[in-house]
Protein backbone atom coordinates (compact mmCIF):
# COMPACT_ATOMS: atom_id res chain seq x y z
CA MET A 1 -128.95 -66.50 -116.20
CA ASN A 2 -126.51 -63.61 -115.93
CA ILE A 3 -122.94 -64.21 -116.93
CA ASN A 4 -120.99 -63.50 -113.77
CA ARG A 5 -120.40 -59.75 -113.74
CA ILE A 6 -117.16 -60.05 -111.83
CA THR A 7 -115.50 -62.45 -114.21
CA LEU A 8 -116.48 -61.32 -117.65
CA ALA A 9 -114.72 -57.97 -117.78
CA LEU A 10 -112.58 -59.63 -120.41
CA VAL A 11 -112.03 -62.09 -117.61
CA LEU A 12 -108.46 -61.27 -116.77
CA CYS A 13 -108.15 -64.04 -114.28
CA SER A 14 -106.00 -64.46 -111.17
CA ALA A 15 -102.45 -64.84 -112.43
CA ALA A 16 -100.46 -62.91 -109.91
CA LEU A 17 -98.32 -66.05 -109.83
CA ALA A 18 -98.30 -67.77 -106.46
CA PRO A 19 -99.12 -64.91 -104.08
CA ALA A 20 -97.73 -64.98 -100.58
CA PHE A 21 -100.85 -65.52 -98.50
CA ALA A 22 -101.23 -63.20 -95.56
CA ALA A 23 -101.43 -65.18 -92.35
CA GLU A 24 -104.49 -63.28 -91.18
CA SER A 25 -106.48 -63.96 -94.36
CA ARG A 26 -105.46 -66.36 -97.09
CA VAL A 27 -108.73 -65.68 -98.92
CA SER A 28 -108.18 -61.91 -99.01
CA ALA A 29 -104.68 -62.46 -100.37
CA VAL A 30 -106.04 -64.56 -103.25
CA LEU A 31 -108.77 -62.02 -104.02
CA LYS A 32 -106.21 -59.21 -104.10
CA ALA A 33 -104.03 -61.29 -106.42
CA ILE A 34 -106.96 -61.73 -108.79
CA ASP A 35 -107.67 -58.00 -108.64
CA ASP A 36 -104.05 -57.19 -109.46
CA ASN A 37 -104.36 -59.25 -112.60
CA TYR A 38 -107.68 -57.71 -113.66
CA LYS A 39 -106.06 -54.42 -114.55
CA MET A 40 -104.31 -54.43 -117.91
CA LYS A 41 -101.12 -52.38 -118.19
CA LYS A 42 -102.43 -50.78 -121.37
CA ASP A 43 -105.69 -50.09 -123.18
CA MET A 44 -106.85 -52.93 -125.39
CA ARG A 45 -109.21 -54.01 -128.13
CA ALA A 46 -110.50 -57.53 -128.77
CA ASP A 47 -113.10 -59.58 -130.59
CA VAL A 48 -115.69 -61.26 -128.37
CA THR A 49 -118.04 -64.07 -129.41
CA LEU A 50 -120.91 -65.26 -127.21
CA THR A 51 -122.51 -68.60 -128.09
CA GLN A 52 -125.71 -68.86 -126.10
CA GLN A 53 -127.76 -72.02 -125.88
CA LYS A 54 -131.22 -72.00 -124.35
CA ALA A 55 -133.41 -75.01 -123.81
CA GLY A 56 -136.08 -75.16 -126.51
CA GLN A 57 -134.74 -72.06 -128.29
CA GLY A 58 -131.62 -73.32 -130.03
CA THR A 59 -128.31 -71.49 -130.34
CA LYS A 60 -127.67 -67.76 -130.72
CA ILE A 61 -124.24 -66.46 -131.72
CA MET A 62 -123.23 -62.87 -131.03
CA ASP A 63 -120.06 -61.28 -132.35
CA MET A 64 -118.78 -57.90 -131.21
CA ALA A 65 -115.78 -55.59 -131.26
CA TYR A 66 -114.71 -54.55 -127.76
CA PHE A 67 -112.54 -51.59 -126.76
CA ARG A 68 -111.44 -51.13 -123.16
CA ARG A 69 -109.62 -48.45 -121.17
CA ASP A 70 -108.97 -49.39 -117.54
CA SER A 71 -107.72 -45.97 -116.40
CA ASP A 72 -111.31 -44.74 -116.14
CA ASP A 73 -113.20 -48.03 -116.68
CA ALA A 74 -114.44 -46.94 -120.10
CA PHE A 75 -115.50 -49.38 -122.79
CA LEU A 76 -117.17 -49.49 -126.19
CA ILE A 77 -118.99 -52.44 -127.75
CA ALA A 78 -119.91 -52.54 -131.44
CA MET A 79 -122.21 -55.39 -132.47
CA ARG A 80 -121.41 -57.27 -135.71
CA ALA A 81 -123.74 -60.27 -135.46
CA PRO A 82 -126.46 -61.47 -135.51
CA GLU A 83 -127.77 -59.44 -138.43
CA ASN A 84 -130.61 -57.86 -136.45
CA GLU A 85 -128.06 -56.44 -133.99
CA ARG A 86 -125.40 -55.42 -136.53
CA GLY A 87 -124.52 -51.76 -136.18
CA ASN A 88 -125.92 -51.41 -132.67
CA GLY A 89 -123.57 -50.65 -129.82
CA TYR A 90 -122.88 -49.64 -126.23
CA LEU A 91 -120.66 -46.97 -124.71
CA ARG A 92 -119.58 -46.56 -121.09
CA VAL A 93 -117.71 -43.41 -120.01
CA GLY A 94 -117.56 -42.36 -116.37
CA ASP A 95 -120.95 -42.91 -114.78
CA ASN A 96 -122.73 -42.77 -118.13
CA PHE A 97 -123.81 -45.83 -120.10
CA TRP A 98 -125.47 -45.44 -123.49
CA MET A 99 -127.10 -47.87 -125.90
CA TYR A 100 -126.98 -46.95 -129.61
CA ARG A 101 -129.58 -48.18 -132.10
CA LYS A 102 -128.60 -48.02 -135.76
CA ASN A 103 -132.13 -48.09 -137.20
CA THR A 104 -133.12 -44.90 -135.36
CA ARG A 105 -129.59 -43.45 -135.07
CA THR A 106 -130.30 -42.59 -131.45
CA PHE A 107 -128.51 -42.97 -128.13
CA GLN A 108 -130.42 -43.95 -125.03
CA HIS A 109 -129.09 -43.58 -121.50
CA VAL A 110 -129.50 -47.00 -119.85
CA ASN A 111 -128.67 -48.74 -116.57
CA ARG A 112 -125.59 -50.86 -115.93
CA ASP A 113 -127.72 -54.02 -116.02
CA GLU A 114 -128.85 -53.42 -119.63
CA SER A 115 -128.78 -56.66 -121.67
CA ILE A 116 -126.16 -56.70 -124.43
CA GLY A 117 -127.84 -57.67 -127.70
CA GLY A 118 -130.63 -59.45 -125.86
CA SER A 119 -128.13 -61.92 -124.40
CA ASP A 120 -127.40 -63.03 -120.86
CA ALA A 121 -124.49 -60.57 -120.79
CA HIS A 122 -125.13 -57.14 -119.28
CA GLY A 123 -123.35 -53.82 -119.34
CA ASP A 124 -121.79 -54.25 -115.94
CA ASP A 125 -120.40 -57.64 -117.00
CA PHE A 126 -117.83 -55.59 -118.91
CA GLU A 127 -116.78 -53.48 -115.95
CA THR A 128 -113.77 -54.15 -113.75
CA ARG A 129 -114.77 -54.22 -110.10
CA LYS A 130 -112.41 -55.28 -107.34
CA LEU A 131 -113.27 -58.62 -105.76
CA ASP A 132 -111.51 -57.62 -102.54
CA GLU A 133 -113.89 -54.67 -102.19
CA LEU A 134 -117.00 -56.73 -102.99
CA TYR A 135 -116.33 -59.97 -101.11
CA GLY A 136 -114.74 -61.19 -97.91
CA PRO A 137 -113.88 -64.66 -96.57
CA LEU A 138 -116.55 -66.90 -95.11
CA VAL A 139 -115.60 -67.60 -91.50
CA LYS A 140 -116.73 -70.93 -90.06
CA PRO A 141 -118.06 -71.37 -86.49
CA ASP A 142 -114.57 -72.36 -85.33
CA GLY A 143 -113.29 -68.95 -86.42
CA LYS A 144 -111.34 -70.27 -89.39
CA GLU A 145 -111.82 -69.31 -93.02
CA ASP A 146 -113.41 -71.78 -95.42
CA PHE A 147 -110.14 -72.35 -97.30
CA GLY A 148 -108.66 -75.71 -98.25
CA GLU A 149 -106.74 -77.79 -100.75
CA GLU A 150 -108.24 -80.37 -103.09
CA MET A 151 -108.03 -81.70 -106.63
CA LEU A 152 -110.06 -80.34 -109.52
CA GLY A 153 -109.74 -83.24 -111.91
CA LYS A 154 -105.99 -83.77 -112.00
CA VAL A 155 -105.11 -80.19 -111.01
CA PRO A 156 -104.16 -79.27 -107.41
CA VAL A 157 -106.29 -76.28 -106.38
CA HIS A 158 -107.24 -74.08 -103.48
CA ARG A 159 -110.98 -74.03 -102.77
CA PHE A 160 -112.46 -71.18 -100.74
CA GLU A 161 -115.80 -69.50 -100.11
CA VAL A 162 -116.61 -65.80 -99.93
CA ARG A 163 -119.60 -63.69 -98.95
CA ALA A 164 -120.57 -60.29 -100.34
CA LYS A 165 -119.66 -57.15 -98.39
CA VAL A 166 -121.91 -54.93 -100.53
CA ASN A 167 -125.47 -55.25 -101.82
CA ASP A 168 -125.09 -54.55 -105.57
CA VAL A 169 -123.72 -57.92 -106.65
CA ASP A 170 -125.56 -60.64 -108.55
CA TYR A 171 -124.51 -63.38 -106.18
CA PRO A 172 -124.01 -62.84 -102.44
CA ARG A 173 -122.09 -66.10 -102.05
CA GLN A 174 -119.33 -67.52 -104.25
CA ILE A 175 -116.99 -70.52 -104.19
CA PHE A 176 -113.70 -70.33 -106.10
CA TRP A 177 -111.20 -72.95 -107.24
CA THR A 178 -107.74 -71.54 -108.08
CA ARG A 179 -104.60 -73.38 -109.15
CA ARG A 180 -102.09 -73.85 -106.34
CA ASP A 181 -99.09 -73.27 -108.60
CA ASN A 182 -99.99 -69.96 -110.26
CA GLY A 183 -103.31 -68.75 -108.82
CA LEU A 184 -105.33 -69.05 -112.03
CA LEU A 185 -109.07 -69.17 -111.47
CA LEU A 186 -110.41 -72.41 -112.94
CA LYS A 187 -113.92 -72.76 -111.54
CA GLN A 188 -116.50 -70.58 -109.82
CA GLU A 189 -119.88 -71.42 -108.28
CA SER A 190 -122.37 -68.63 -107.64
CA TYR A 191 -125.17 -68.91 -105.06
CA SER A 192 -128.26 -66.93 -104.11
CA LEU A 193 -128.79 -65.55 -100.62
CA SER A 194 -130.86 -68.65 -99.80
CA GLY A 195 -127.98 -70.93 -100.80
CA THR A 196 -129.32 -72.08 -104.17
CA LEU A 197 -126.63 -72.78 -106.77
CA MET A 198 -127.41 -70.39 -109.64
CA GLN A 199 -124.43 -70.67 -111.96
CA THR A 200 -121.21 -72.60 -112.49
CA ALA A 201 -118.39 -71.05 -114.51
CA TYR A 202 -115.32 -72.80 -115.95
CA PHE A 203 -112.29 -70.97 -117.32
CA LEU A 204 -111.03 -73.32 -119.98
CA LYS A 205 -108.23 -71.61 -121.89
CA PHE A 206 -105.77 -68.80 -121.12
CA THR A 207 -103.31 -66.66 -123.01
CA GLU A 208 -100.70 -64.26 -121.63
CA ILE A 209 -101.01 -60.61 -122.65
CA GLU A 210 -98.66 -57.95 -121.28
CA GLY A 211 -97.87 -60.02 -118.21
CA ARG A 212 -101.54 -60.79 -117.50
CA PHE A 213 -103.32 -64.08 -118.08
CA VAL A 214 -106.56 -63.66 -120.00
CA ALA A 215 -109.21 -66.40 -119.97
CA VAL A 216 -109.94 -66.54 -123.70
CA LYS A 217 -112.49 -69.35 -123.43
CA GLN A 218 -115.07 -69.56 -120.66
CA LEU A 219 -118.18 -71.64 -120.07
CA PHE A 220 -121.11 -70.41 -117.97
CA ILE A 221 -123.73 -73.00 -117.01
CA ASP A 222 -127.16 -71.92 -115.79
CA GLU A 223 -127.91 -74.16 -112.81
CA PHE A 224 -131.34 -72.65 -112.23
CA GLU A 225 -132.76 -72.99 -115.75
CA LYS A 226 -131.35 -76.33 -116.79
CA GLY A 227 -130.12 -76.67 -120.35
CA ASN A 228 -128.99 -73.06 -120.68
CA LYS A 229 -125.32 -72.22 -121.11
CA THR A 230 -123.10 -69.57 -122.65
CA ILE A 231 -119.61 -69.93 -124.11
CA VAL A 232 -117.48 -66.78 -124.23
CA GLU A 233 -114.51 -66.69 -126.61
CA ILE A 234 -112.05 -63.79 -126.83
CA SER A 235 -109.65 -63.38 -129.74
CA GLY A 236 -107.67 -60.76 -131.61
CA ILE A 237 -106.50 -59.10 -128.39
CA VAL A 238 -104.36 -56.05 -129.16
CA PRO A 239 -102.95 -54.10 -126.18
CA GLY A 240 -101.86 -50.53 -126.69
CA LYS A 241 -102.89 -46.94 -126.19
CA LEU A 242 -106.31 -46.20 -127.71
CA GLU A 243 -107.24 -42.75 -128.95
CA ASP A 244 -109.67 -40.83 -126.79
CA LYS A 245 -111.99 -40.43 -129.78
CA ILE A 246 -112.77 -44.17 -129.63
CA PHE A 247 -114.74 -43.70 -126.43
CA THR A 248 -117.21 -41.24 -127.94
CA LYS A 249 -120.70 -41.36 -129.39
CA ALA A 250 -119.38 -40.10 -132.73
CA TYR A 251 -116.96 -42.99 -133.05
CA LEU A 252 -119.57 -45.61 -132.19
CA GLU A 253 -122.02 -44.09 -134.67
CA ASN A 254 -119.33 -44.06 -137.37
CA LEU A 255 -118.57 -47.76 -136.76
CA SER A 256 -122.19 -48.63 -137.45
CA LYS A 257 -122.20 -47.21 -140.95
């Protein structure tokens, strides 16, 4: 299972507060509203904990410090737990993505899909990519978008389906459930090209930071390998200008000491 790479970028989820849906495409309007909320007004740091459960393997808890700068999509991850990962880290600047290993004190240039600490999270899970550029509305045979209203538990939501417009996405088909009153993304189903449900994500708890709603607790359920799930918890969020030196190899190496 891969944690959805669109939603994890600190999962700044869809609170552009009741967008006015364009008549020609209600789905595109919602996607643009989510994109507007992805971008933080300032740089930020946060603590991220991943609790990963795999069938027959027990529970693995990963703790990391996370620094993010949206102006150029740079980020730094410093691992703090488990013990065998402590001191390791990851740095993304421009088109370059490096993995740092404390035991050898070396940096290795890796791909965007590099696993973070051996978890289901990958480097590009921490990127911010625009949904409106990646996905478009699914149009039914009658020419109308797959967009409707229903209840998710006791919450009135919009439900709509999208299809990928580009090839480099994990899931070519997605279904979203967003609150009708404020646009918050509450649930997301991710499907393979063949239509197999691969993952279900729930966004369970939000906090408001600098006019953006951040999903600080998320649950990702692996629908393909039953019994596997990952809980993502974000805390200690501090918005504010970060020094350029943070997004450097020297800073990451110094953190590992």
